[in-house]
Amino acid sequence: MPDEPARRRYDSLRRTAQAQQTSSEIANAALALFVAKGWAATTVRDVAREAGVSVPTVYAAYGNKTGLTTALIDAADLSADLPRLLAELETANPARQLAAMVGYDRRLFERAGDIIALLREAGRTEPELAQTYRDARARADNAHHQVLAAWPAGALRTDLDMATALDIYAAICNIDVYTELTLERGWSPVRVEQWWTNLLVRELLN
């Protein structure tokens, strides 16, 4: 039958789509349980039950609970729209570059703050996840360093060295401040982003 190869190709696409849908359902179930019950109290069996799949299916998709958590972290980075940040960093204006970095962090905290929180919680009992969290913080510091180091001479305040500038950025623009302002104080994410930007411009630029 001449169209049999085409049908087989479509069957392969269907299987791929079904696998992706299953992985997405597992990840969504895991995130909901991690946030509701905590990372330590959630088992792979819980995730499988919530997602409506077998336990071996969860292991096949992600390896184990740590692998699943790492996948959620990768998805969080994507949710903050890294390509947008890279495009906005093309500007030669340090103030606009600061605004771009702050915008990325705000999107990350707004869209994936629960994932960041669960990673920190899980890291208290899982050394591998604690290291994953530290690595993520180090990558953020390194990215900020690359941007600030490329500023023209005289842009950074003359009384600041690079290490102090990075400390100031991290102290101001972080998930704890974001959570306090949005959940406890009723600020909108946009208001937080604007305040962060204005404050960092005053604190870091001449």
N, C-alpha and C. Protein backbone atom coordinates (compact mmCIF):
# COMPACT_ATOMS: atom_id res chain seq x y z
N MET A 1 0.86 -1.19 0.00
CA MET A 1 0.00 0.00 0.00
C MET A 1 0.89 1.23 0.00
N PRO A 2 0.72 2.16 -0.98
CA PRO A 2 1.68 3.24 -1.17
C PRO A 2 1.71 4.25 -0.04
N ASP A 3 0.60 4.39 0.69
CA ASP A 3 0.60 5.42 1.73
C ASP A 3 0.96 4.87 3.10
N GLU A 4 1.36 3.60 3.17
CA GLU A 4 1.72 3.01 4.45
C GLU A 4 2.90 3.71 5.12
N PRO A 5 4.00 4.04 4.38
CA PRO A 5 5.11 4.75 5.04
C PRO A 5 4.67 6.08 5.64
N ALA A 6 3.80 6.80 4.94
CA ALA A 6 3.33 8.08 5.48
C ALA A 6 2.56 7.88 6.78
N ARG A 7 1.71 6.82 6.79
CA ARG A 7 0.96 6.55 8.01
C ARG A 7 1.91 6.22 9.16
N ARG A 8 2.97 5.48 8.86
CA ARG A 8 3.93 5.15 9.90
C ARG A 8 4.63 6.40 10.43
N ARG A 9 4.96 7.34 9.50
CA ARG A 9 5.57 8.60 9.95
C ARG A 9 4.62 9.36 10.86
N TYR A 10 3.33 9.42 10.48
CA TYR A 10 2.36 10.12 11.31
C TYR A 10 2.20 9.43 12.67
N ASP A 11 2.27 8.10 12.66
CA ASP A 11 2.19 7.38 13.93
C ASP A 11 3.35 7.78 14.84
N SER A 12 4.52 7.97 14.27
CA SER A 12 5.68 8.39 15.05
C SER A 12 5.46 9.78 15.62
N LEU A 13 4.92 10.68 14.81
CA LEU A 13 4.64 12.04 15.29
C LEU A 13 3.61 12.00 16.42
N ARG A 14 2.60 11.13 16.25
CA ARG A 14 1.59 11.01 17.30
C ARG A 14 2.21 10.53 18.60
N ARG A 15 3.09 9.53 18.48
CA ARG A 15 3.73 9.02 19.69
C ARG A 15 4.58 10.09 20.36
N THR A 16 5.27 10.90 19.55
CA THR A 16 6.08 11.98 20.11
C THR A 16 5.20 13.01 20.81
N ALA A 17 4.10 13.37 20.15
CA ALA A 17 3.18 14.34 20.75
C ALA A 17 2.58 13.81 22.04
N GLN A 18 2.22 12.52 22.03
CA GLN A 18 1.65 11.93 23.23
C GLN A 18 2.67 11.89 24.37
N ALA A 19 3.93 11.58 24.03
CA ALA A 19 4.98 11.55 25.05
C ALA A 19 5.20 12.94 25.64
N GLN A 20 5.20 13.97 24.76
CA GLN A 20 5.38 15.33 25.25
C GLN A 20 4.22 15.75 26.14
N GLN A 21 3.00 15.36 25.74
CA GLN A 21 1.83 15.69 26.55
C GLN A 21 1.90 15.00 27.91
N THR A 22 2.32 13.75 27.91
CA THR A 22 2.46 13.01 29.17
C THR A 22 3.51 13.66 30.06
N SER A 23 4.65 14.03 29.48
CA SER A 23 5.71 14.68 30.26
C SER A 23 5.21 15.98 30.86
N SER A 24 4.45 16.74 30.06
CA SER A 24 3.90 18.01 30.55
C SER A 24 2.93 17.78 31.69
N GLU A 25 2.08 16.75 31.57
CA GLU A 25 1.12 16.45 32.63
C GLU A 25 1.83 16.01 33.91
N ILE A 26 2.89 15.23 33.75
CA ILE A 26 3.68 14.82 34.92
C ILE A 26 4.31 16.03 35.60
N ALA A 27 4.91 16.91 34.80
CA ALA A 27 5.56 18.10 35.36
C ALA A 27 4.55 19.00 36.07
N ASN A 28 3.38 19.20 35.45
CA ASN A 28 2.36 20.04 36.08
C ASN A 28 1.87 19.42 37.39
N ALA A 29 1.70 18.10 37.39
CA ALA A 29 1.26 17.42 38.60
C ALA A 29 2.32 17.54 39.69
N ALA A 30 3.57 17.35 39.31
CA ALA A 30 4.66 17.45 40.29
C ALA A 30 4.73 18.84 40.90
N LEU A 31 4.65 19.85 40.05
CA LEU A 31 4.73 21.22 40.55
C LEU A 31 3.60 21.50 41.53
N ALA A 32 2.38 21.08 41.19
CA ALA A 32 1.24 21.31 42.07
C ALA A 32 1.45 20.63 43.42
N LEU A 33 1.95 19.41 43.39
CA LEU A 33 2.18 18.67 44.64
C LEU A 33 3.33 19.25 45.44
N PHE A 34 4.42 19.62 44.75
CA PHE A 34 5.57 20.20 45.44
C PHE A 34 5.15 21.47 46.19
N VAL A 35 4.33 22.28 45.53
CA VAL A 35 3.91 23.55 46.14
C VAL A 35 2.93 23.28 47.28
N ALA A 36 2.01 22.33 47.08
CA ALA A 36 0.98 22.06 48.09
C ALA A 36 1.52 21.29 49.29
N LYS A 37 2.34 20.27 49.05
CA LYS A 37 2.79 19.38 50.12
C LYS A 37 4.23 19.59 50.55
N GLY A 38 5.01 20.26 49.70
CA GLY A 38 6.44 20.36 49.94
C GLY A 38 7.18 19.28 49.17
N TRP A 39 8.43 19.57 48.83
CA TRP A 39 9.21 18.63 48.03
C TRP A 39 9.44 17.32 48.77
N ALA A 40 9.85 17.42 50.01
CA ALA A 40 10.23 16.22 50.76
C ALA A 40 9.05 15.28 50.97
N ALA A 41 7.85 15.84 51.15
CA ALA A 41 6.68 15.02 51.44
C ALA A 41 6.05 14.41 50.19
N THR A 42 6.47 14.83 49.03
CA THR A 42 5.90 14.34 47.78
C THR A 42 6.72 13.16 47.27
N THR A 43 6.06 12.07 46.94
CA THR A 43 6.74 10.90 46.40
C THR A 43 6.49 10.79 44.90
N VAL A 44 7.31 9.98 44.25
CA VAL A 44 7.10 9.73 42.83
C VAL A 44 5.73 9.07 42.62
N ARG A 45 5.32 8.23 43.55
CA ARG A 45 4.00 7.61 43.45
C ARG A 45 2.90 8.66 43.51
N ASP A 46 3.07 9.67 44.37
CA ASP A 46 2.09 10.76 44.44
C ASP A 46 1.98 11.46 43.09
N VAL A 47 3.15 11.74 42.49
CA VAL A 47 3.16 12.44 41.21
C VAL A 47 2.47 11.59 40.14
N ALA A 48 2.77 10.30 40.13
CA ALA A 48 2.16 9.42 39.14
C ALA A 48 0.65 9.39 39.31
N ARG A 49 0.19 9.28 40.55
CA ARG A 49 -1.24 9.25 40.81
C ARG A 49 -1.91 10.55 40.37
N GLU A 50 -1.29 11.68 40.69
CA GLU A 50 -1.85 12.98 40.32
C GLU A 50 -1.92 13.15 38.81
N ALA A 51 -0.91 12.66 38.12
CA ALA A 51 -0.84 12.80 36.66
C ALA A 51 -1.66 11.74 35.93
N GLY A 52 -2.10 10.72 36.65
CA GLY A 52 -2.86 9.65 36.02
C GLY A 52 -2.02 8.72 35.18
N VAL A 53 -0.76 8.51 35.61
CA VAL A 53 0.13 7.61 34.88
C VAL A 53 0.74 6.63 35.86
N SER A 54 1.49 5.67 35.34
CA SER A 54 2.15 4.69 36.21
C SER A 54 3.45 5.27 36.76
N VAL A 55 3.92 4.68 37.86
CA VAL A 55 5.20 5.10 38.43
C VAL A 55 6.34 4.89 37.43
N PRO A 56 6.41 3.75 36.72
CA PRO A 56 7.48 3.60 35.72
C PRO A 56 7.45 4.67 34.64
N THR A 57 6.28 5.19 34.33
CA THR A 57 6.19 6.25 33.32
C THR A 57 6.88 7.52 33.82
N VAL A 58 6.72 7.82 35.09
CA VAL A 58 7.40 9.00 35.65
C VAL A 58 8.91 8.81 35.58
N TYR A 59 9.38 7.62 35.97
CA TYR A 59 10.82 7.36 35.93
C TYR A 59 11.35 7.40 34.49
N ALA A 60 10.56 6.90 33.55
CA ALA A 60 10.99 6.91 32.16
C ALA A 60 11.10 8.33 31.62
N ALA A 61 10.23 9.20 32.08
CA ALA A 61 10.22 10.58 31.58
C ALA A 61 11.31 11.44 32.20
N TYR A 62 11.57 11.23 33.51
CA TYR A 62 12.45 12.17 34.22
C TYR A 62 13.56 11.52 35.04
N GLY A 63 13.57 10.21 35.13
CA GLY A 63 14.62 9.54 35.89
C GLY A 63 14.26 9.36 37.34
N ASN A 64 14.06 10.48 38.06
CA ASN A 64 13.67 10.42 39.46
C ASN A 64 13.13 11.79 39.86
N LYS A 65 12.86 11.95 41.14
CA LYS A 65 12.27 13.21 41.61
C LYS A 65 13.24 14.38 41.42
N THR A 66 14.51 14.13 41.62
CA THR A 66 15.50 15.18 41.40
C THR A 66 15.55 15.59 39.93
N GLY A 67 15.52 14.61 39.03
CA GLY A 67 15.50 14.93 37.61
C GLY A 67 14.27 15.71 37.22
N LEU A 68 13.15 15.39 37.81
CA LEU A 68 11.91 16.13 37.55
C LEU A 68 12.03 17.57 38.02
N THR A 69 12.60 17.76 39.20
CA THR A 69 12.77 19.11 39.73
C THR A 69 13.71 19.93 38.85
N THR A 70 14.79 19.31 38.38
CA THR A 70 15.73 20.00 37.50
C THR A 70 15.04 20.42 36.20
N ALA A 71 14.17 19.56 35.67
CA ALA A 71 13.43 19.90 34.46
C ALA A 71 12.52 21.10 34.69
N LEU A 72 11.92 21.17 35.87
CA LEU A 72 11.08 22.32 36.19
C LEU A 72 11.90 23.61 36.25
N ILE A 73 13.11 23.50 36.75
CA ILE A 73 13.99 24.68 36.81
C ILE A 73 14.34 25.16 35.41
N ASP A 74 14.67 24.22 34.52
CA ASP A 74 14.98 24.59 33.14
C ASP A 74 13.78 25.28 32.50
N ALA A 75 12.58 24.77 32.77
CA ALA A 75 11.37 25.37 32.22
C ALA A 75 11.17 26.78 32.78
N ALA A 76 11.55 26.98 34.04
CA ALA A 76 11.42 28.30 34.65
C ALA A 76 12.29 29.31 33.92
N ASP A 77 13.52 28.93 33.59
CA ASP A 77 14.40 29.84 32.85
C ASP A 77 13.78 30.22 31.51
N LEU A 78 13.19 29.24 30.82
CA LEU A 78 12.56 29.52 29.54
C LEU A 78 11.37 30.46 29.70
N SER A 79 10.64 30.31 30.79
CA SER A 79 9.43 31.12 30.98
C SER A 79 9.74 32.60 31.12
N ALA A 80 10.95 32.94 31.53
CA ALA A 80 11.31 34.35 31.72
C ALA A 80 11.73 35.03 30.43
N ASP A 81 11.77 34.30 29.32
CA ASP A 81 12.02 34.86 27.99
C ASP A 81 13.46 35.38 27.86
N LEU A 82 14.41 34.44 27.90
CA LEU A 82 15.82 34.80 27.74
C LEU A 82 16.11 35.49 26.40
N PRO A 83 15.53 35.05 25.27
CA PRO A 83 15.80 35.76 24.02
C PRO A 83 15.44 37.26 24.08
N ARG A 84 14.37 37.57 24.78
CA ARG A 84 14.00 38.99 24.93
C ARG A 84 15.08 39.74 25.69
N LEU A 85 15.59 39.13 26.78
CA LEU A 85 16.66 39.79 27.53
C LEU A 85 17.87 40.04 26.64
N LEU A 86 18.29 39.04 25.88
CA LEU A 86 19.48 39.19 25.03
C LEU A 86 19.28 40.30 24.01
N ALA A 87 18.08 40.38 23.45
CA ALA A 87 17.81 41.44 22.48
C ALA A 87 17.87 42.82 23.13
N GLU A 88 17.32 42.93 24.34
CA GLU A 88 17.30 44.22 25.03
C GLU A 88 18.69 44.64 25.51
N LEU A 89 19.57 43.67 25.75
CA LEU A 89 20.92 44.00 26.20
C LEU A 89 21.79 44.58 25.10
N GLU A 90 21.32 44.54 23.86
CA GLU A 90 22.09 45.08 22.75
C GLU A 90 22.26 46.59 22.85
N THR A 91 21.41 47.23 23.64
CA THR A 91 21.54 48.68 23.79
C THR A 91 22.85 49.02 24.47
N ALA A 92 23.42 50.17 24.12
CA ALA A 92 24.69 50.60 24.72
C ALA A 92 24.45 51.43 25.98
N ASN A 93 23.20 51.63 26.37
CA ASN A 93 22.85 52.47 27.49
C ASN A 93 22.82 51.63 28.77
N PRO A 94 23.72 51.87 29.73
CA PRO A 94 23.74 51.06 30.95
C PRO A 94 22.42 51.07 31.72
N ALA A 95 21.73 52.19 31.75
CA ALA A 95 20.46 52.26 32.47
C ALA A 95 19.44 51.33 31.82
N ARG A 96 19.41 51.30 30.51
CA ARG A 96 18.46 50.42 29.82
C ARG A 96 18.87 48.95 29.98
N GLN A 97 20.16 48.69 30.07
CA GLN A 97 20.60 47.32 30.31
C GLN A 97 20.20 46.85 31.71
N LEU A 98 20.32 47.74 32.69
CA LEU A 98 19.84 47.40 34.02
C LEU A 98 18.34 47.10 33.99
N ALA A 99 17.59 47.93 33.28
CA ALA A 99 16.15 47.71 33.17
C ALA A 99 15.84 46.37 32.53
N ALA A 100 16.64 45.97 31.54
CA ALA A 100 16.43 44.68 30.87
C ALA A 100 16.69 43.53 31.83
N MET A 101 17.75 43.62 32.62
CA MET A 101 18.05 42.55 33.58
C MET A 101 16.97 42.46 34.65
N VAL A 102 16.53 43.60 35.12
CA VAL A 102 15.47 43.61 36.13
C VAL A 102 14.18 43.03 35.55
N GLY A 103 13.87 43.38 34.30
CA GLY A 103 12.67 42.86 33.67
C GLY A 103 12.71 41.35 33.56
N TYR A 104 13.87 40.80 33.23
CA TYR A 104 14.02 39.35 33.16
C TYR A 104 13.78 38.72 34.53
N ASP A 105 14.40 39.30 35.57
CA ASP A 105 14.24 38.74 36.91
C ASP A 105 12.80 38.82 37.37
N ARG A 106 12.14 39.94 37.07
CA ARG A 106 10.72 40.05 37.46
C ARG A 106 9.88 38.99 36.78
N ARG A 107 10.11 38.76 35.48
CA ARG A 107 9.35 37.73 34.78
C ARG A 107 9.63 36.35 35.38
N LEU A 108 10.89 36.10 35.73
CA LEU A 108 11.26 34.82 36.32
C LEU A 108 10.54 34.62 37.65
N PHE A 109 10.56 35.63 38.52
CA PHE A 109 9.94 35.50 39.83
C PHE A 109 8.42 35.43 39.70
N GLU A 110 7.86 36.18 38.76
CA GLU A 110 6.41 36.20 38.60
C GLU A 110 5.90 34.85 38.06
N ARG A 111 6.61 34.28 37.10
CA ARG A 111 6.14 33.08 36.42
C ARG A 111 6.64 31.79 37.06
N ALA A 112 7.73 31.87 37.81
CA ALA A 112 8.32 30.64 38.33
C ALA A 112 8.81 30.78 39.77
N GLY A 113 8.26 31.72 40.51
CA GLY A 113 8.67 31.91 41.89
C GLY A 113 8.42 30.69 42.75
N ASP A 114 7.32 29.97 42.45
CA ASP A 114 7.02 28.77 43.23
C ASP A 114 8.07 27.69 43.01
N ILE A 115 8.61 27.62 41.78
CA ILE A 115 9.65 26.63 41.50
C ILE A 115 10.94 26.98 42.24
N ILE A 116 11.28 28.27 42.25
CA ILE A 116 12.48 28.70 42.97
C ILE A 116 12.35 28.39 44.46
N ALA A 117 11.16 28.65 45.00
CA ALA A 117 10.94 28.39 46.42
C ALA A 117 11.05 26.91 46.74
N LEU A 118 10.48 26.06 45.89
CA LEU A 118 10.55 24.63 46.18
C LEU A 118 11.97 24.10 46.02
N LEU A 119 12.74 24.70 45.11
CA LEU A 119 14.13 24.28 44.95
C LEU A 119 14.92 24.57 46.22
N ARG A 120 14.69 25.75 46.79
CA ARG A 120 15.38 26.08 48.04
C ARG A 120 14.96 25.13 49.16
N GLU A 121 13.67 24.82 49.22
CA GLU A 121 13.19 23.91 50.25
C GLU A 121 13.81 22.52 50.08
N ALA A 122 13.78 22.03 48.84
CA ALA A 122 14.32 20.70 48.57
C ALA A 122 15.82 20.64 48.85
N GLY A 123 16.50 21.75 48.61
CA GLY A 123 17.94 21.78 48.83
C GLY A 123 18.35 21.60 50.28
N ARG A 124 17.40 21.78 51.21
CA ARG A 124 17.72 21.59 52.62
C ARG A 124 17.98 20.12 52.95
N THR A 125 17.40 19.23 52.15
CA THR A 125 17.57 17.80 52.42
C THR A 125 18.28 17.06 51.30
N GLU A 126 18.37 17.69 50.12
CA GLU A 126 18.98 17.04 48.97
C GLU A 126 20.20 17.83 48.52
N PRO A 127 21.41 17.36 48.81
CA PRO A 127 22.62 18.11 48.44
C PRO A 127 22.69 18.43 46.95
N GLU A 128 22.22 17.52 46.11
CA GLU A 128 22.28 17.75 44.66
C GLU A 128 21.44 18.96 44.26
N LEU A 129 20.26 19.09 44.86
CA LEU A 129 19.40 20.22 44.54
C LEU A 129 19.92 21.51 45.19
N ALA A 130 20.55 21.39 46.34
CA ALA A 130 21.18 22.56 46.95
C ALA A 130 22.27 23.10 46.03
N GLN A 131 23.03 22.18 45.43
CA GLN A 131 24.06 22.60 44.50
C GLN A 131 23.45 23.19 43.24
N THR A 132 22.33 22.64 42.79
CA THR A 132 21.64 23.20 41.63
C THR A 132 21.22 24.63 41.89
N TYR A 133 20.72 24.89 43.09
CA TYR A 133 20.32 26.25 43.46
C TYR A 133 21.53 27.19 43.48
N ARG A 134 22.62 26.72 44.08
CA ARG A 134 23.83 27.56 44.13
C ARG A 134 24.35 27.82 42.72
N ASP A 135 24.29 26.82 41.87
CA ASP A 135 24.75 26.99 40.48
C ASP A 135 23.90 28.03 39.76
N ALA A 136 22.59 28.00 40.00
CA ALA A 136 21.70 28.97 39.36
C ALA A 136 22.03 30.39 39.82
N ARG A 137 22.28 30.55 41.11
CA ARG A 137 22.66 31.87 41.62
C ARG A 137 23.98 32.33 41.02
N ALA A 138 24.92 31.40 40.90
CA ALA A 138 26.23 31.74 40.33
C ALA A 138 26.09 32.15 38.87
N ARG A 139 25.21 31.46 38.12
CA ARG A 139 24.99 31.83 36.72
C ARG A 139 24.41 33.24 36.62
N ALA A 140 23.50 33.57 37.53
CA ALA A 140 22.92 34.91 37.52
C ALA A 140 23.98 35.96 37.80
N ASP A 141 24.81 35.70 38.81
CA ASP A 141 25.90 36.64 39.12
C ASP A 141 26.85 36.81 37.93
N ASN A 142 27.15 35.70 37.29
CA ASN A 142 28.06 35.75 36.15
C ASN A 142 27.46 36.56 35.00
N ALA A 143 26.17 36.37 34.76
CA ALA A 143 25.50 37.12 33.70
C ALA A 143 25.51 38.62 34.01
N HIS A 144 25.22 38.97 35.25
CA HIS A 144 25.24 40.38 35.64
C HIS A 144 26.65 40.95 35.52
N HIS A 145 27.63 40.16 35.92
CA HIS A 145 29.03 40.60 35.82
C HIS A 145 29.40 40.90 34.37
N GLN A 146 28.99 40.04 33.46
CA GLN A 146 29.32 40.25 32.04
C GLN A 146 28.75 41.56 31.53
N VAL A 147 27.54 41.88 31.95
CA VAL A 147 26.91 43.11 31.49
C VAL A 147 27.61 44.33 32.09
N LEU A 148 27.81 44.30 33.40
CA LEU A 148 28.42 45.46 34.06
C LEU A 148 29.86 45.67 33.59
N ALA A 149 30.59 44.57 33.36
CA ALA A 149 31.98 44.69 32.94
C ALA A 149 32.10 45.30 31.55
N ALA A 150 31.05 45.20 30.75
CA ALA A 150 31.09 45.75 29.39
C ALA A 150 30.67 47.22 29.34
N TRP A 151 30.27 47.79 30.47
CA TRP A 151 29.87 49.20 30.48
C TRP A 151 31.08 50.08 30.16
N PRO A 152 30.84 51.22 29.54
CA PRO A 152 31.96 52.14 29.27
C PRO A 152 32.56 52.66 30.57
N ALA A 153 33.79 53.06 30.50
CA ALA A 153 34.47 53.58 31.68
C ALA A 153 33.69 54.75 32.25
N GLY A 154 33.54 54.75 33.57
CA GLY A 154 32.84 55.84 34.24
C GLY A 154 31.36 55.62 34.42
N ALA A 155 30.80 54.55 33.84
CA ALA A 155 29.36 54.31 34.00
C ALA A 155 29.04 53.82 35.42
N LEU A 156 29.85 52.86 35.91
CA LEU A 156 29.66 52.36 37.27
C LEU A 156 30.15 53.41 38.26
N ARG A 157 29.43 53.56 39.36
CA ARG A 157 29.84 54.52 40.38
C ARG A 157 31.29 54.30 40.77
N THR A 158 32.03 55.37 40.85
CA THR A 158 33.48 55.28 41.07
C THR A 158 33.82 54.73 42.44
N ASP A 159 32.90 54.80 43.41
CA ASP A 159 33.20 54.28 44.74
C ASP A 159 32.81 52.81 44.90
N LEU A 160 32.42 52.16 43.81
CA LEU A 160 32.02 50.76 43.86
C LEU A 160 33.01 49.90 43.08
N ASP A 161 33.37 48.75 43.65
CA ASP A 161 34.07 47.76 42.85
C ASP A 161 33.03 46.78 42.31
N MET A 162 33.45 45.89 41.42
CA MET A 162 32.49 45.01 40.76
C MET A 162 31.80 44.09 41.75
N ALA A 163 32.55 43.53 42.69
CA ALA A 163 31.95 42.60 43.65
C ALA A 163 30.85 43.28 44.47
N THR A 164 31.10 44.52 44.88
CA THR A 164 30.10 45.24 45.66
C THR A 164 28.88 45.56 44.81
N ALA A 165 29.10 45.92 43.56
CA ALA A 165 27.98 46.21 42.66
C ALA A 165 27.09 44.99 42.49
N LEU A 166 27.70 43.82 42.34
CA LEU A 166 26.93 42.59 42.21
C LEU A 166 26.18 42.26 43.50
N ASP A 167 26.81 42.52 44.64
CA ASP A 167 26.15 42.30 45.93
C ASP A 167 24.91 43.20 46.05
N ILE A 168 25.05 44.45 45.65
CA ILE A 168 23.93 45.39 45.73
C ILE A 168 22.78 44.92 44.85
N TYR A 169 23.10 44.49 43.63
CA TYR A 169 22.05 44.01 42.73
C TYR A 169 21.33 42.81 43.37
N ALA A 170 22.09 41.86 43.90
CA ALA A 170 21.50 40.66 44.47
C ALA A 170 20.67 40.97 45.71
N ALA A 171 21.09 41.96 46.49
CA ALA A 171 20.37 42.31 47.71
C ALA A 171 19.04 42.98 47.41
N ILE A 172 18.99 43.72 46.30
CA ILE A 172 17.78 44.46 45.94
C ILE A 172 16.82 43.60 45.13
N CYS A 173 17.35 42.94 44.11
CA CYS A 173 16.52 42.23 43.13
C CYS A 173 16.61 40.73 43.40
N ASN A 174 15.71 40.23 44.25
CA ASN A 174 15.73 38.81 44.59
C ASN A 174 14.33 38.32 44.89
N ILE A 175 14.17 37.01 44.96
CA ILE A 175 12.85 36.40 45.12
C ILE A 175 12.22 36.77 46.46
N ASP A 176 13.01 36.97 47.50
CA ASP A 176 12.44 37.28 48.81
C ASP A 176 11.83 38.68 48.83
N VAL A 177 12.52 39.63 48.26
CA VAL A 177 11.98 40.99 48.18
C VAL A 177 10.73 40.99 47.30
N TYR A 178 10.81 40.28 46.17
CA TYR A 178 9.65 40.21 45.27
C TYR A 178 8.44 39.63 46.00
N THR A 179 8.64 38.55 46.73
CA THR A 179 7.53 37.91 47.43
C THR A 179 6.96 38.81 48.51
N GLU A 180 7.83 39.46 49.27
CA GLU A 180 7.37 40.37 50.31
C GLU A 180 6.49 41.48 49.73
N LEU A 181 6.96 42.07 48.63
CA LEU A 181 6.22 43.22 48.07
C LEU A 181 4.93 42.80 47.39
N THR A 182 4.96 41.69 46.66
CA THR A 182 3.76 41.30 45.92
C THR A 182 2.73 40.58 46.79
N LEU A 183 3.17 39.64 47.61
CA LEU A 183 2.23 38.85 48.40
C LEU A 183 1.86 39.51 49.72
N GLU A 184 2.83 40.16 50.36
CA GLU A 184 2.58 40.75 51.67
C GLU A 184 2.15 42.20 51.60
N ARG A 185 2.66 42.92 50.60
CA ARG A 185 2.41 44.36 50.55
C ARG A 185 1.46 44.79 49.43
N GLY A 186 1.09 43.84 48.57
CA GLY A 186 0.11 44.13 47.54
C GLY A 186 0.61 44.88 46.33
N TRP A 187 1.93 44.93 46.14
CA TRP A 187 2.46 45.59 44.95
C TRP A 187 2.20 44.72 43.72
N SER A 188 2.04 45.38 42.59
CA SER A 188 1.96 44.63 41.33
C SER A 188 3.38 44.28 40.88
N PRO A 189 3.54 43.21 40.10
CA PRO A 189 4.87 42.89 39.56
C PRO A 189 5.50 44.04 38.78
N VAL A 190 4.69 44.76 38.03
CA VAL A 190 5.21 45.89 37.25
C VAL A 190 5.74 46.99 38.17
N ARG A 191 5.02 47.25 39.27
CA ARG A 191 5.49 48.26 40.21
C ARG A 191 6.82 47.85 40.82
N VAL A 192 6.96 46.56 41.17
CA VAL A 192 8.23 46.07 41.71
C VAL A 192 9.35 46.29 40.69
N GLU A 193 9.09 45.92 39.45
CA GLU A 193 10.10 46.08 38.41
C GLU A 193 10.53 47.54 38.26
N GLN A 194 9.58 48.45 38.25
CA GLN A 194 9.90 49.87 38.11
C GLN A 194 10.72 50.37 39.29
N TRP A 195 10.34 49.96 40.50
CA TRP A 195 11.07 50.40 41.68
C TRP A 195 12.48 49.85 41.67
N TRP A 196 12.62 48.56 41.37
CA TRP A 196 13.95 47.96 41.28
C TRP A 196 14.83 48.71 40.29
N THR A 197 14.27 48.98 39.12
CA THR A 197 15.06 49.64 38.08
C THR A 197 15.53 51.01 38.55
N ASN A 198 14.62 51.82 39.08
CA ASN A 198 14.98 53.16 39.52
C ASN A 198 16.01 53.11 40.65
N LEU A 199 15.82 52.16 41.57
CA LEU A 199 16.74 52.06 42.71
C LEU A 199 18.12 51.62 42.26
N LEU A 200 18.20 50.65 41.36
CA LEU A 200 19.50 50.17 40.90
C LEU A 200 20.22 51.21 40.05
N VAL A 201 19.49 51.97 39.29
CA VAL A 201 20.12 53.06 38.52
C VAL A 201 20.77 54.04 39.50
N ARG A 202 20.04 54.39 40.57
CA ARG A 202 20.61 55.33 41.56
C ARG A 202 21.80 54.73 42.30
N GLU A 203 21.73 53.44 42.61
CA GLU A 203 22.76 52.81 43.43
C GLU A 203 24.03 52.44 42.64
N LEU A 204 23.89 52.17 41.35
CA LEU A 204 25.03 51.63 40.59
C LEU A 204 25.64 52.59 39.59
N LEU A 205 24.87 53.54 39.10
CA LEU A 205 25.38 54.38 38.00
C LEU A 205 25.80 55.76 38.50
N ASN A 206 26.82 56.29 37.85
CA ASN A 206 27.26 57.66 38.13
C ASN A 206 26.22 58.64 37.62
